[in-house]
Amino acid sequence: MGLTTTLTAFAVAAGLLAGAVWIFAVKRFGAARAAVGAAAVAALFGVVIPLALPLRLDTFGWIHVGYLFIVVTTPCLGLAAIVGSPRISSGGRRFVVAGGVLLMLPAAVGYYATHVEPKRLRVDRFDVRLAAAKSGRAPVRVGVLADIQSTRLSAHERRSVARLVAEQPDLILFAGDLFEGTDQQFESSFGEFRALVSTLRAPFGVYVVRGDTDAGDRVDRLVKGLPVTVLDDKVIEVRARDRVIRLGGNRLDYDAPAALAMRSELSIDSEAVNILLSHRPDVARLLEDNSDLDLVVAGHTHGGQFVIPGFGPPFTLSLVSRNVARGGLHEIKGNRIYVSTGVGMEREQAPQFRFFARPSIGILTLRDG
């Protein structure tokens, strides 16, 4: 039984048990003293914790427990209360039914966040205006892909890659986190992931950096023999129509000496279009103000995955501001950065959902200012 199935079973059991306690409290003490039942319901959340302790959950795992408590346990409590309401006197029954309906509302939010929004792919389109000193006049379209981050491929991941290729970008940048899972899962899914990567085609090349989940030699094996270049703290020059584009790619450790040397080399040509590809957007905080880099492309944050309207994502696992981590084209210290919200979601113990943080691919058009 998988972790999500196990935690969901705990959440359902806790909700139904809490509903039974609430019904008992209202029937025993009356609607006016139903706070006794509410307190008992809150205490029942403690039932899930000792059951989950043997699972050795990490921080993401406990966030998963909290998420299921809101979108599964609470609605199950509401359902149990409604089903059991005929056993209560008419005065208390209305109170219980109204409360049960209210408690069932998070189920709709959970269904949307788990099953709908993660598949609502968005195409980001931005113009990146270049200084007059940059060589060339032809627009160049850069396709951006990030964070497929799945154990197995579904129709969503395949559609996302197909949609990017259908946009016919001049070159494609992949900001890391291609696969997430165990070595055994990687070997099992290797063929289908390699087949997916082989569909990435662009006239002036496909370039990738490794992300947090790209352990060992996984990326090298997936791209071996394919027209895909892994940028490991090195700079390469690409001629796209009448423009010279210099691409630099950071390894995951963007503060290492090799990464610093690469960025220094990347910024020495003020006439070429200089683009830095990095998994984590945090690298932009280390750049000089108004540097000679024309664009930084990153992923990693998933747009926060969970966004509170008017506030932003509470957690981004990044040092950049919530506004930048949420995704899109921004400036940090006068340097432009595009952060992709990615295609996939955090896996392993984390809850797999998106809320106000739709998955995306990017089309960035480099053109004269």
Protein backbone atom coordinates (compact mmCIF):
# COMPACT_ATOMS: atom_id res chain seq x y z
CA MET A 1 0.00 0.00 0.00
CA GLY A 2 1.42 3.41 -0.99
CA LEU A 3 1.94 6.24 1.47
CA THR A 4 -0.85 8.38 0.02
CA THR A 5 -3.32 5.47 0.23
CA THR A 6 -2.28 4.72 3.81
CA LEU A 7 -2.58 8.34 4.97
CA THR A 8 -5.91 8.73 3.17
CA ALA A 9 -7.26 5.64 4.93
CA PHE A 10 -6.19 7.13 8.28
CA ALA A 11 -7.84 10.44 7.35
CA VAL A 12 -11.13 8.79 6.37
CA ALA A 13 -11.20 6.67 9.54
CA ALA A 14 -10.50 9.72 11.72
CA GLY A 15 -13.27 11.68 9.97
CA LEU A 16 -15.89 8.97 10.39
CA LEU A 17 -14.91 8.42 14.02
CA ALA A 18 -15.04 12.15 14.66
CA GLY A 19 -18.52 12.28 13.11
CA ALA A 20 -19.72 9.54 15.44
CA VAL A 21 -18.32 11.44 18.44
CA TRP A 22 -20.01 14.65 17.33
CA ILE A 23 -23.37 12.93 16.91
CA PHE A 24 -23.01 11.39 20.35
CA ALA A 25 -22.07 14.74 21.92
CA VAL A 26 -25.00 16.61 20.39
CA LYS A 27 -27.44 13.82 21.29
CA ARG A 28 -26.11 13.60 24.83
CA PHE A 29 -25.55 17.24 25.66
CA GLY A 30 -27.76 19.06 23.12
CA ALA A 31 -26.97 21.46 20.32
CA ALA A 32 -26.29 24.32 22.72
CA ARG A 33 -23.43 22.36 24.24
CA ALA A 34 -22.16 20.87 20.98
CA ALA A 35 -18.83 22.56 21.60
CA VAL A 36 -18.09 19.50 23.68
CA GLY A 37 -18.36 17.46 20.50
CA ALA A 38 -16.23 19.94 18.56
CA ALA A 39 -13.49 19.65 21.18
CA ALA A 40 -13.66 15.88 20.96
CA VAL A 41 -13.43 16.11 17.18
CA ALA A 42 -10.29 18.24 17.42
CA ALA A 43 -8.78 15.76 19.85
CA LEU A 44 -9.41 12.94 17.38
CA PHE A 45 -6.82 14.42 15.05
CA GLY A 46 -4.40 12.98 17.57
CA VAL A 47 -5.54 9.54 16.46
CA VAL A 48 -3.85 10.03 13.10
CA ILE A 49 -0.54 11.12 14.59
CA PRO A 50 0.33 7.93 16.52
CA LEU A 51 -0.85 5.85 13.56
CA ALA A 52 1.44 7.82 11.24
CA LEU A 53 4.53 7.81 13.50
CA PRO A 54 5.76 4.36 12.34
CA LEU A 55 5.79 5.71 8.76
CA ARG A 56 8.75 7.96 9.66
CA LEU A 57 7.34 10.99 7.92
CA ASP A 58 9.52 13.94 6.98
CA THR A 59 8.34 17.56 6.88
CA PHE A 60 6.55 17.00 3.57
CA GLY A 61 4.88 13.92 5.06
CA TRP A 62 3.40 15.87 7.95
CA ILE A 63 2.24 18.57 5.54
CA HIS A 64 0.57 15.70 3.67
CA VAL A 65 -1.18 14.65 6.88
CA GLY A 66 -2.39 18.21 7.47
CA TYR A 67 -3.65 18.52 3.90
CA LEU A 68 -5.62 15.27 4.15
CA PHE A 69 -7.04 16.36 7.51
CA ILE A 70 -8.50 19.44 5.82
CA VAL A 71 -9.77 17.92 2.56
CA VAL A 72 -10.62 14.34 3.68
CA THR A 73 -11.05 14.07 7.46
CA THR A 74 -13.12 17.24 7.80
CA PRO A 75 -15.55 16.35 4.95
CA CYS A 76 -15.89 12.78 6.30
CA LEU A 77 -16.81 14.30 9.64
CA GLY A 78 -19.44 16.42 7.90
CA LEU A 79 -20.83 13.44 5.99
CA ALA A 80 -21.01 11.31 9.14
CA ALA A 81 -22.80 14.13 10.93
CA ILE A 82 -25.42 14.47 8.15
CA VAL A 83 -26.01 10.73 7.91
CA GLY A 84 -26.41 10.46 11.69
CA SER A 85 -28.57 13.58 12.07
CA PRO A 86 -31.94 11.71 12.04
CA ARG A 87 -30.95 10.24 15.42
CA ILE A 88 -30.99 13.74 16.93
CA SER A 89 -33.94 15.81 18.07
CA SER A 90 -35.30 18.30 15.53
CA GLY A 91 -33.66 21.34 17.15
CA GLY A 92 -30.21 19.86 17.18
CA ARG A 93 -30.68 18.20 13.78
CA ARG A 94 -30.73 21.48 11.88
CA PHE A 95 -27.55 22.57 13.62
CA VAL A 96 -25.77 19.31 12.79
CA VAL A 97 -26.90 19.25 9.14
CA ALA A 98 -25.82 22.86 8.58
CA GLY A 99 -22.46 22.17 10.20
CA GLY A 100 -22.05 18.96 8.19
CA VAL A 101 -22.66 20.74 4.89
CA LEU A 102 -20.12 23.42 5.79
CA LEU A 103 -17.51 20.83 6.73
CA MET A 104 -17.94 19.02 3.41
CA LEU A 105 -16.90 22.07 1.36
CA PRO A 106 -13.13 21.42 1.61
CA ALA A 107 -13.67 18.15 -0.29
CA ALA A 108 -14.46 20.15 -3.44
CA VAL A 109 -11.32 22.23 -2.98
CA GLY A 110 -9.27 19.08 -2.43
CA TYR A 111 -10.67 17.42 -5.55
CA TYR A 112 -9.87 20.49 -7.66
CA ALA A 113 -6.36 20.89 -6.22
CA THR A 114 -5.52 17.19 -6.55
CA HIS A 115 -7.22 16.18 -9.80
CA VAL A 116 -7.97 19.31 -11.86
CA GLU A 117 -5.44 22.13 -11.50
CA PRO A 118 -2.32 19.90 -11.79
CA LYS A 119 -3.42 19.15 -15.38
CA ARG A 120 -4.41 22.72 -16.37
CA LEU A 121 -1.28 23.54 -18.34
CA ARG A 122 -0.56 27.21 -18.97
CA VAL A 123 1.68 28.60 -21.71
CA ASP A 124 3.67 31.61 -20.48
CA ARG A 125 4.52 34.05 -23.26
CA PHE A 126 6.93 36.89 -22.63
CA ASP A 127 9.00 39.25 -24.77
CA VAL A 128 12.56 39.75 -23.56
CA ARG A 129 13.78 43.05 -24.96
CA LEU A 130 17.47 43.20 -25.82
CA ALA A 131 19.78 46.20 -25.75
CA ALA A 132 20.72 47.81 -29.05
CA ALA A 133 24.33 46.70 -28.56
CA LYS A 134 23.37 43.05 -28.86
CA SER A 135 24.25 41.53 -32.23
CA GLY A 136 21.51 40.58 -34.66
CA ARG A 137 17.94 41.63 -35.35
CA ALA A 138 16.01 38.40 -35.74
CA PRO A 139 13.66 37.37 -32.91
CA VAL A 140 14.59 34.08 -31.25
CA ARG A 141 11.99 31.99 -29.46
CA VAL A 142 13.20 30.12 -26.38
CA GLY A 143 11.08 27.25 -25.09
CA VAL A 144 11.30 26.53 -21.35
CA LEU A 145 10.49 23.28 -19.61
CA ALA A 146 11.02 22.39 -15.94
CA ASP A 147 10.16 19.99 -13.17
CA ILE A 148 8.42 17.07 -14.86
CA GLN A 149 9.39 15.42 -11.58
CA SER A 150 7.30 12.26 -11.84
CA THR A 151 7.81 8.59 -11.10
CA ARG A 152 5.74 7.47 -14.08
CA LEU A 153 4.59 9.38 -17.13
CA SER A 154 0.92 10.18 -17.64
CA ALA A 155 -0.96 11.86 -20.45
CA HIS A 156 -0.34 15.23 -18.73
CA GLU A 157 3.46 15.06 -18.99
CA ARG A 158 3.30 13.85 -22.58
CA ARG A 159 0.84 16.59 -23.54
CA SER A 160 3.02 19.22 -21.89
CA VAL A 161 6.12 18.22 -23.85
CA ALA A 162 4.13 17.87 -27.08
CA ARG A 163 2.64 21.34 -26.55
CA LEU A 164 6.09 22.87 -26.11
CA VAL A 165 7.42 21.20 -29.26
CA ALA A 166 4.30 22.26 -31.19
CA GLU A 167 5.17 25.89 -30.38
CA GLN A 168 8.26 25.39 -32.58
CA PRO A 169 10.78 27.19 -30.36
CA ASP A 170 14.20 27.93 -31.81
CA LEU A 171 15.90 26.36 -28.81
CA ILE A 172 14.69 24.58 -25.68
CA LEU A 173 15.99 25.04 -22.13
CA PHE A 174 15.13 22.39 -19.50
CA ALA A 175 15.64 23.69 -15.95
CA GLY A 176 16.03 20.30 -14.25
CA ASP A 177 14.07 17.80 -12.13
CA LEU A 178 13.18 15.38 -14.88
CA PHE A 179 12.43 12.31 -12.73
CA GLU A 180 11.68 11.82 -9.02
CA GLY A 181 11.70 8.41 -7.41
CA THR A 182 13.84 5.50 -6.27
CA ASP A 183 16.53 3.83 -8.35
CA GLN A 184 14.21 0.87 -8.84
CA GLN A 185 11.43 3.14 -10.11
CA PHE A 186 13.89 4.90 -12.40
CA GLU A 187 14.99 1.63 -13.99
CA SER A 188 11.35 0.61 -14.43
CA SER A 189 10.42 3.92 -16.10
CA PHE A 190 13.70 4.52 -17.96
CA GLY A 191 12.37 3.56 -21.40
CA GLU A 192 9.33 5.81 -21.34
CA PHE A 193 11.24 8.80 -19.96
CA ARG A 194 13.97 8.42 -22.57
CA ALA A 195 11.32 8.20 -25.28
CA LEU A 196 9.79 11.43 -23.99
CA VAL A 197 13.14 13.25 -23.94
CA SER A 198 13.81 12.06 -27.51
CA THR A 199 10.77 14.05 -28.69
CA LEU A 200 12.39 17.33 -27.66
CA ARG A 201 13.57 18.95 -30.87
CA ALA A 202 14.58 22.51 -31.72
CA PRO A 203 16.63 23.93 -34.65
CA PHE A 204 19.32 25.41 -32.40
CA GLY A 205 19.42 22.71 -29.76
CA VAL A 206 18.02 21.39 -26.49
CA TYR A 207 19.92 22.19 -23.28
CA VAL A 208 19.42 20.90 -19.74
CA VAL A 209 20.77 21.34 -16.22
CA ARG A 210 20.33 18.92 -13.35
CA GLY A 211 17.83 19.55 -10.57
CA ASP A 212 17.41 18.36 -6.99
CA THR A 213 15.82 15.06 -8.02
CA ASP A 214 18.25 14.26 -10.84
CA ALA A 215 20.45 11.98 -8.78
CA GLY A 216 23.64 10.32 -10.00
CA ASP A 217 23.93 9.71 -13.72
CA ARG A 218 20.20 9.64 -14.46
CA VAL A 219 20.23 12.66 -16.77
CA ASP A 220 23.34 11.46 -18.59
CA ARG A 221 21.74 8.09 -19.26
CA LEU A 222 18.46 9.62 -20.40
CA VAL A 223 20.07 11.93 -22.96
CA LYS A 224 22.92 9.69 -24.13
CA GLY A 225 22.96 9.59 -27.93
CA LEU A 226 20.22 12.22 -28.19
CA PRO A 227 20.65 15.80 -29.47
CA VAL A 228 20.49 17.15 -25.92
CA THR A 229 23.36 19.01 -24.24
CA VAL A 230 23.87 18.86 -20.47
CA LEU A 231 25.32 22.17 -19.25
CA ASP A 232 27.60 21.36 -16.29
CA ASP A 233 29.08 24.70 -15.25
CA LYS A 234 30.16 25.42 -18.78
CA VAL A 235 29.44 28.01 -21.46
CA ILE A 236 28.60 27.19 -25.05
CA GLU A 237 27.97 29.47 -28.01
CA VAL A 238 24.94 29.03 -30.25
CA ARG A 239 24.34 30.88 -33.51
CA ALA A 240 20.61 31.36 -33.94
CA ARG A 241 19.92 33.10 -37.26
CA ASP A 242 21.84 36.37 -37.06
CA ARG A 243 22.24 36.32 -33.29
CA VAL A 244 25.02 34.94 -31.14
CA ILE A 245 23.64 33.35 -27.98
CA ARG A 246 25.93 32.26 -25.19
CA LEU A 247 24.39 29.74 -22.79
CA GLY A 248 25.75 28.93 -19.36
CA GLY A 249 24.37 26.21 -17.12
CA ASN A 250 24.83 25.88 -13.38
CA ARG A 251 25.14 22.61 -11.58
CA LEU A 252 22.86 22.37 -8.56
CA ASP A 253 25.54 23.90 -6.34
CA TYR A 254 25.37 27.36 -7.86
CA ASP A 255 27.78 28.82 -5.27
CA ALA A 256 30.66 26.41 -6.01
CA PRO A 257 33.92 27.77 -7.51
CA ALA A 258 33.20 26.12 -10.87
CA ALA A 259 29.78 27.80 -10.98
CA LEU A 260 31.28 31.20 -10.14
CA ALA A 261 33.91 30.78 -12.87
CA MET A 262 31.26 29.80 -15.41
CA ARG A 263 29.14 32.86 -14.66
CA SER A 264 32.19 35.11 -14.90
CA GLU A 265 33.01 33.65 -18.31
CA LEU A 266 29.39 33.97 -19.44
CA SER A 267 29.20 37.69 -18.78
CA ILE A 268 32.38 38.81 -20.56
CA ASP A 269 30.78 39.20 -24.02
CA SER A 270 28.60 42.29 -24.04
CA GLU A 271 27.55 41.89 -27.69
CA ALA A 272 26.21 38.32 -27.49
CA VAL A 273 22.89 37.41 -25.88
CA ASN A 274 23.94 35.88 -22.56
CA ILE A 275 21.53 33.43 -20.91
CA LEU A 276 22.06 31.58 -17.63
CA LEU A 277 20.16 28.34 -17.05
CA SER A 278 19.86 27.23 -13.43
CA HIS A 279 17.54 24.86 -11.61
CA ARG A 280 17.20 27.11 -8.58
CA PRO A 281 16.30 30.79 -9.03
CA ASP A 282 18.37 31.69 -5.95
CA VAL A 283 21.42 32.10 -8.18
CA ALA A 284 20.03 35.47 -9.33
CA ARG A 285 20.68 36.85 -5.84
CA LEU A 286 24.42 36.33 -6.38
CA LEU A 287 24.65 38.26 -9.63
CA GLU A 288 26.05 41.75 -9.80
CA ASP A 289 23.53 44.56 -10.14
CA ASN A 290 22.59 45.12 -13.79
CA SER A 291 25.03 42.47 -14.98
CA ASP A 292 25.73 41.64 -18.62
CA LEU A 293 23.42 38.63 -18.41
CA ASP A 294 20.31 39.20 -20.51
CA LEU A 295 18.20 36.48 -18.92
CA VAL A 296 18.22 33.88 -16.16
CA VAL A 297 15.95 30.85 -16.61
CA ALA A 298 15.06 28.68 -13.61
CA GLY A 299 12.46 26.31 -12.19
CA HIS A 300 12.42 24.51 -8.81
CA THR A 301 9.63 26.40 -6.99
CA HIS A 302 6.58 24.93 -8.79
CA GLY A 303 5.06 28.36 -8.29
CA GLY A 304 4.78 27.43 -4.62
CA GLN A 305 2.24 24.70 -5.54
CA PHE A 306 -0.12 26.28 -2.97
CA VAL A 307 -0.84 30.00 -3.31
CA ILE A 308 -2.97 32.13 -1.01
CA PRO A 309 -4.65 34.82 -3.14
CA GLY A 310 -3.41 38.26 -2.15
CA PHE A 311 -0.47 36.82 -0.22
CA GLY A 312 1.35 34.36 -2.46
CA PRO A 313 2.87 30.97 -1.73
CA PRO A 314 3.60 30.38 1.98
CA PHE A 315 6.43 27.99 1.10
CA THR A 316 8.71 28.13 -1.93
CA LEU A 317 11.91 26.32 -0.81
CA SER A 318 13.75 29.28 -2.30
CA LEU A 319 15.42 32.47 -1.07
CA VAL A 320 13.87 34.67 -3.75
CA SER A 321 10.76 36.66 -2.93
CA ARG A 322 7.33 34.97 -2.99
CA ASN A 323 6.39 37.10 -6.00
CA VAL A 324 9.35 35.84 -8.02
CA ALA A 325 9.00 32.25 -6.81
CA ARG A 326 5.37 32.24 -7.92
CA GLY A 327 6.65 32.24 -11.51
CA GLY A 328 6.84 34.47 -14.56
CA LEU A 329 9.27 37.14 -15.77
CA HIS A 330 10.76 39.41 -13.09
CA GLU A 331 13.84 41.42 -12.19
CA ILE A 332 16.24 40.81 -9.32
CA LYS A 333 18.90 43.48 -8.81
CA GLY A 334 18.25 44.72 -12.34
CA ASN A 335 18.66 41.23 -13.87
CA ARG A 336 15.75 39.61 -15.65
CA ILE A 337 14.74 36.15 -14.52
CA TYR A 338 12.04 33.82 -15.77
CA VAL A 339 10.89 31.25 -13.20
CA SER A 340 8.87 28.36 -14.58
CA THR A 341 6.11 26.91 -12.39
CA GLY A 342 7.02 23.56 -13.93
CA VAL A 343 4.97 20.69 -15.27
CA GLY A 344 4.83 18.35 -12.27
CA MET A 345 4.63 18.42 -8.49
CA GLU A 346 6.65 17.49 -5.44
CA ARG A 347 6.53 13.70 -4.97
CA GLU A 348 7.61 11.11 -2.42
CA GLN A 349 5.98 12.06 0.92
CA ALA A 350 4.62 15.43 -0.19
CA PRO A 351 0.91 15.94 -0.97
CA GLN A 352 0.49 16.03 -4.74
CA PHE A 353 -1.65 19.06 -5.47
CA ARG A 354 -1.63 22.52 -6.98
CA PHE A 355 -3.80 25.44 -5.89
CA PHE A 356 -3.61 28.79 -7.72
CA ALA A 357 -0.25 27.58 -9.10
CA ARG A 358 -0.97 26.05 -12.48
CA PRO A 359 1.69 24.01 -14.29
CA SER A 360 3.33 25.78 -17.22
CA ILE A 361 5.70 25.77 -20.13
CA GLY A 362 7.34 28.99 -21.32
CA ILE A 363 7.88 30.71 -24.67
CA LEU A 364 10.30 33.62 -24.30
CA THR A 365 10.88 35.71 -27.41
CA LEU A 366 14.21 37.50 -27.54
CA ARG A 367 13.82 40.64 -29.64
CA ASP A 368 15.26 44.12 -30.11
CA GLY A 369 14.26 46.61 -27.46
